[in-house]
Protein backbone atom coordinates (compact mmCIF):
# COMPACT_ATOMS: atom_id res chain seq x y z
CA MET A 1 183.27 28.15 114.07
CA ASP A 2 179.75 27.39 113.79
CA ALA A 3 178.43 24.84 110.70
CA ARG A 4 176.53 26.38 108.25
CA LYS A 5 173.00 26.07 108.41
CA PRO A 6 171.95 23.61 105.33
CA SER A 7 169.54 25.42 102.64
CA PRO A 8 166.25 23.98 102.89
CA SER A 9 165.19 21.12 100.23
CA PRO A 10 162.20 21.62 97.85
CA GLY A 11 159.83 19.98 100.22
CA GLU A 12 160.46 21.61 103.20
CA ARG A 13 160.17 24.78 101.01
CA LEU A 14 156.55 23.65 100.08
CA ARG A 15 155.95 22.76 103.81
CA ALA A 16 156.90 25.82 105.40
CA LEU A 17 154.59 27.79 102.46
CA ARG A 18 151.66 26.03 103.83
CA GLU A 19 152.38 26.35 107.06
CA SER A 20 152.77 30.22 107.03
CA LEU A 21 149.42 30.36 105.49
CA GLY A 22 148.08 27.92 107.86
CA LEU A 23 146.99 24.99 106.16
CA SER A 24 146.96 21.80 107.49
CA THR A 25 147.53 18.76 104.75
CA ARG A 26 144.18 18.02 104.78
CA ASP A 27 143.13 21.72 104.15
CA VAL A 28 145.19 21.07 100.85
CA GLU A 29 143.70 17.98 100.08
CA GLU A 30 140.10 19.57 100.07
CA LYS A 31 140.89 22.85 98.10
CA SER A 32 142.72 20.76 95.50
CA ARG A 33 139.44 18.16 95.04
CA LYS A 34 137.62 21.36 94.20
CA ILE A 35 140.11 22.23 91.37
CA ALA A 36 140.09 18.80 90.26
CA GLU A 37 136.40 18.71 89.67
CA GLU A 38 136.41 22.10 88.14
CA ARG A 39 138.91 20.92 85.66
CA HIS A 40 137.26 17.55 85.33
CA ASN A 41 140.80 15.97 85.75
CA GLN A 42 142.00 13.89 88.96
CA GLU A 43 145.50 14.92 87.87
CA TYR A 44 144.98 17.88 90.05
CA HIS A 45 143.79 16.18 92.98
CA ILE A 46 146.57 16.04 95.80
CA SER A 47 145.89 13.80 98.77
CA HIS A 48 146.67 14.53 102.51
CA SER A 49 149.23 11.75 102.00
CA TRP A 50 150.87 12.54 98.72
CA VAL A 51 151.65 16.60 100.38
CA THR A 52 153.34 14.53 103.17
CA ASP A 53 155.31 12.73 100.79
CA ILE A 54 156.02 15.66 98.84
CA GLU A 55 157.32 17.70 101.58
CA ASN A 56 159.26 14.83 102.74
CA GLY A 57 160.79 14.45 99.42
CA LYS A 58 159.81 11.12 98.39
CA PHE A 59 158.70 12.91 94.65
CA PRO A 60 158.73 15.87 92.97
CA PRO A 61 154.87 16.91 92.56
CA THR A 62 153.99 16.49 88.47
CA ILE A 63 152.64 19.70 86.29
CA PHE A 64 149.11 19.09 87.35
CA LYS A 65 149.98 19.38 91.16
CA PHE A 66 152.21 22.10 90.93
CA HIS A 67 149.54 24.07 89.37
CA THR A 68 147.25 22.80 92.28
CA PHE A 69 149.83 24.16 94.74
CA LYS A 70 150.11 27.53 92.60
CA VAL A 71 146.56 28.47 93.10
CA ILE A 72 146.43 26.94 96.69
CA TYR A 73 149.42 28.73 97.79
CA ASN A 74 148.69 31.60 95.65
CA ARG A 75 152.41 31.92 94.01
CA SER A 76 153.78 32.00 90.66
CA LEU A 77 154.68 28.58 88.97
CA SER A 78 157.99 29.78 88.06
CA GLU A 79 158.70 30.81 91.96
CA LEU A 80 157.37 26.79 93.09
CA ILE A 81 159.54 24.97 90.33
CA SER A 82 162.59 26.84 91.53
CA TYR A 83 162.53 25.41 94.36
CA TYR A 84 163.63 22.33 92.96
CA GLY A 85 166.40 24.09 90.65
CA VAL A 86 164.37 24.79 87.85
CA PRO A 87 165.19 28.83 86.49
CA ILE A 88 161.82 29.15 84.87
CA GLY A 89 162.51 32.86 85.38
CA GLU A 90 165.52 32.87 83.09
CA GLN A 91 164.10 31.28 79.88
CA GLY A 92 164.92 34.60 78.10
CA ARG A 93 167.94 34.59 78.95
CA SER A 94 168.66 30.61 77.85
CA HIS A 95 166.32 31.10 74.38
CA THR A 96 169.03 33.92 73.17
CA SER A 97 172.05 31.77 74.21
CA ILE A 98 170.84 28.55 72.76
CA GLY A 99 168.78 29.57 69.79
CA VAL A 100 167.46 27.97 67.05
CA PRO A 101 167.74 28.37 63.30
CA LYS A 102 164.52 29.83 62.25
CA THR A 103 163.27 33.35 62.09
CA HIS A 104 160.31 33.20 64.81
CA LEU A 105 158.06 34.87 67.13
CA LEU A 106 158.29 34.39 70.90
CA LYS A 107 155.27 32.79 72.76
CA SER A 108 154.19 35.04 75.60
CA THR A 109 153.87 32.95 79.43
CA SER A 110 151.33 34.02 81.95
CA ASP A 111 153.97 33.77 84.62
CA LEU A 112 156.03 36.25 82.78
CA GLU A 113 153.78 38.89 83.80
CA THR A 114 155.59 37.67 87.77
CA GLU A 115 158.84 38.00 86.29
CA THR A 116 161.14 41.78 86.50
CA VAL A 117 164.08 43.26 85.68
CA ALA A 118 166.05 46.77 86.66
CA VAL A 119 165.42 49.27 84.24
CA PRO A 120 166.74 52.88 84.51
CA ALA A 121 163.42 54.50 85.55
CA GLN A 122 165.00 58.49 86.15
CA LEU A 123 167.76 59.61 84.53
CA LYS A 124 170.54 62.08 86.74
CA PRO A 125 169.73 65.84 86.05
CA GLU A 126 173.24 66.70 84.02
CA PHE A 127 172.52 63.49 82.21
CA GLN A 128 172.64 64.95 78.11
CA LEU A 129 171.10 63.32 75.11
CA GLU A 130 173.32 64.36 72.56
CA LYS A 131 176.45 62.99 74.82
CA THR A 132 177.74 59.56 74.48
CA ASN A 133 178.26 58.21 78.08
CA LEU A 134 178.15 55.23 80.42
CA LEU A 135 174.59 54.26 81.40
CA ALA A 136 175.70 53.54 84.56
CA ARG A 137 177.00 56.72 85.07
CA VAL A 138 173.67 58.59 84.55
CA VAL A 139 170.92 56.58 86.11
CA GLU A 140 169.61 57.98 89.28
CA LYS A 141 166.97 55.69 89.93
CA TRP A 142 166.15 52.04 89.01
CA ASP A 143 163.18 50.55 88.87
CA GLN A 144 161.77 46.51 88.60
CA ILE A 145 159.37 46.08 85.25
CA PRO A 146 157.93 42.31 83.71
CA VAL A 147 159.81 42.21 80.36
CA GLY A 148 159.62 38.58 79.58
CA PHE A 149 162.35 38.30 76.68
CA LEU A 150 164.59 40.91 77.88
CA GLN A 151 165.19 39.18 81.44
CA HIS A 152 168.23 38.31 80.57
CA LEU A 153 169.95 41.82 80.74
CA ASP A 154 170.63 43.38 84.15
CA LEU A 155 171.35 46.49 83.49
CA ARG A 156 172.42 46.94 87.33
CA LYS A 157 175.54 44.50 87.55
CA SER A 158 176.73 44.48 83.01
CA VAL A 159 178.15 47.86 81.37
CA TYR A 160 175.70 49.62 79.10
CA GLY A 161 176.33 52.77 77.08
CA TYR A 162 174.19 54.97 75.31
CA ILE A 163 175.16 56.50 71.86
CA GLY A 164 174.57 60.55 71.79
CA LEU A 165 171.72 61.71 69.78
CA GLU A 166 175.14 64.16 68.03
CA ASP A 167 177.44 61.05 67.63
CA TYR A 168 177.37 59.74 64.37
CA THR A 169 180.72 57.86 64.43
CA LEU A 170 179.21 54.70 63.43
CA TYR A 171 176.03 55.71 61.45
CA PRO A 172 174.34 54.29 59.54
CA LEU A 173 175.35 51.12 61.31
CA ILE A 174 174.90 52.14 65.16
CA ARG A 175 172.32 55.03 65.64
CA PRO A 176 172.26 57.97 67.45
CA GLY A 177 170.36 57.22 70.71
CA SER A 178 171.45 53.41 70.53
CA LEU A 179 172.03 51.85 73.96
CA VAL A 180 174.91 49.15 73.64
CA GLN A 181 175.82 46.28 75.96
CA ILE A 182 179.74 46.22 76.64
CA ASP A 183 181.67 43.66 77.99
CA PRO A 184 184.62 44.78 80.19
CA ALA A 185 186.67 41.66 80.02
CA GLN A 186 187.40 42.31 76.04
CA ARG A 187 189.69 45.49 77.18
CA LYS A 188 192.35 44.13 74.61
CA LEU A 189 191.61 45.15 70.67
CA SER A 190 191.23 41.66 68.90
CA GLY A 191 193.62 41.15 66.50
CA GLU A 192 190.80 38.56 64.84
CA LYS A 193 190.45 38.71 61.17
CA TRP A 194 187.12 40.44 59.53
CA ARG A 195 185.06 40.55 56.71
CA THR A 196 182.72 43.02 56.38
CA GLU A 197 181.95 45.58 58.94
CA TYR A 198 179.56 43.31 60.93
CA ASP A 199 182.36 41.09 61.51
CA ARG A 200 184.52 43.69 62.33
CA PRO A 201 185.06 44.73 65.98
CA ILE A 202 183.40 47.43 68.11
CA TYR A 203 184.82 49.14 70.97
CA PHE A 204 183.33 51.93 73.35
CA VAL A 205 186.12 54.09 74.62
CA GLU A 206 186.74 57.03 77.59
CA LEU A 207 188.17 59.87 76.39
CA ARG A 208 189.31 62.96 78.76
CA ASP A 209 186.08 64.84 77.39
CA GLY A 210 183.56 61.76 76.90
CA TYR A 211 183.04 58.49 75.25
CA VAL A 212 183.00 57.72 71.76
CA CYS A 213 182.07 53.84 69.99
CA SER A 214 184.07 53.05 67.04
CA TRP A 215 186.20 50.94 65.61
CA CYS A 216 189.64 51.50 66.62
CA GLN A 217 193.50 50.45 66.25
CA VAL A 218 196.60 51.14 67.77
CA ASP A 219 199.57 52.67 65.70
CA ARG A 220 202.71 54.34 67.12
CA GLY A 221 200.99 54.59 70.40
CA GLN A 222 197.91 56.21 69.74
CA LEU A 223 194.83 54.99 69.59
CA ILE A 224 192.74 55.69 66.25
CA VAL A 225 189.16 56.41 66.31
CA ILE A 226 187.70 54.97 62.77
CA PRO A 227 184.22 55.92 61.58
CA HIS A 228 181.81 54.57 59.08
CA PRO A 229 182.54 55.47 55.67
CA HIS A 230 179.30 56.74 55.17
CA SER A 231 178.83 58.82 58.52
CA HIS A 232 181.24 61.37 56.98
CA GLN A 233 183.40 61.68 60.45
CA ASP A 234 187.11 62.35 60.46
CA VAL A 235 189.76 59.63 61.48
CA ARG A 236 190.63 60.52 65.18
CA ARG A 237 194.06 59.94 66.81
CA PHE A 238 194.76 60.30 71.22
CA ASP A 239 197.67 58.93 72.66
CA PHE A 240 197.19 55.52 74.17
CA PRO A 241 196.56 54.96 76.75
CA SER A 242 197.40 58.65 78.66
CA GLN A 243 194.46 60.16 76.10
CA ALA A 244 191.57 57.46 75.76
CA GLU A 245 191.10 54.23 77.63
CA ILE A 246 189.30 50.97 76.63
CA VAL A 247 186.33 50.28 78.54
CA GLY A 248 185.28 47.42 76.85
CA ARG A 249 184.35 45.56 73.22
CA VAL A 250 180.94 46.29 71.91
CA THR A 251 178.55 42.72 72.19
CA GLY A 252 175.23 43.94 71.52
CA VAL A 253 173.00 46.80 69.86
CA ALA A 254 169.51 48.40 70.96
CA MET A 255 168.21 50.77 68.68
CA GLN A 256 165.79 52.05 66.20
CA ILE A 257 166.22 51.61 62.62
CA ALA A 258 162.99 53.55 61.38
CA GLY A 259 160.68 56.43 61.94
CA GLU A 260 163.05 59.23 62.41
CA LYS A 261 164.36 61.55 59.90
CA GLU A 262 167.45 60.70 57.98
CA PRO A 263 170.13 63.64 58.31
CA GLU A 264 170.29 65.25 54.73
CA GLY A 265 173.75 65.62 52.87
CA ALA A 266 177.03 65.59 55.36
CA VAL A 267 176.36 63.95 58.96
CA ARG A 268 176.90 66.84 61.81
CA GLY A 269 180.07 67.26 63.71
CA GLY A 270 181.20 64.27 65.93
CA GLN A 271 181.59 63.92 69.29
CA ALA A 272 182.99 62.20 72.53
């Protein structure tokens, strides 16, 4: 069996990029000199010998020289830096997972304009806004759009659910029209203790005639679908697992919290 060809090094990728543009190391040096003069900073200048040394892997470019390569090669800064194993395009994902103590505004960066994420661009004709469903089953077409902070989402690989406009099961905690992120690895009901409704595990459940997003518990072979007290919905019971199957635990919610008129009196009847 032939040995697999090793992946090109960062320097080799830079060399291949330069050669694909028909540029010599002298050409890069000359163009970098103009950039350095325009910015009144010689850090942007790259001599032809430095270009060769960088391509041979003797040392990585400085941030100034990365900018020079970006301009000359007409590539995004995130792409060039990614050659060295730094995932600039995943900063939204890293920021979300690491977190900082205080609430703050996120600063945008120009490079995010070139980063994209998949989002549903066209829904199947049979999709009904009134019904709760799994997003993957109602999307006809996916497109790429720049999103910056939302880049940590990958809707094609993850499981996402849509809460129908007639589904008030967990209202007002989760409002109709919301999108929920579901972890399919967490299909077993959690026995962890919770103190408030915000700590209580929420599950996305597939029924024979649809879906429901709710609190759940199992009692004597039945799955009990528990609505929010303010939703005015009835507790429902289903034979488990013949009539109800847990898709996964809800781990994230995207919803509108203002702008629509709230229901008057008792909320409309629940639906699956």
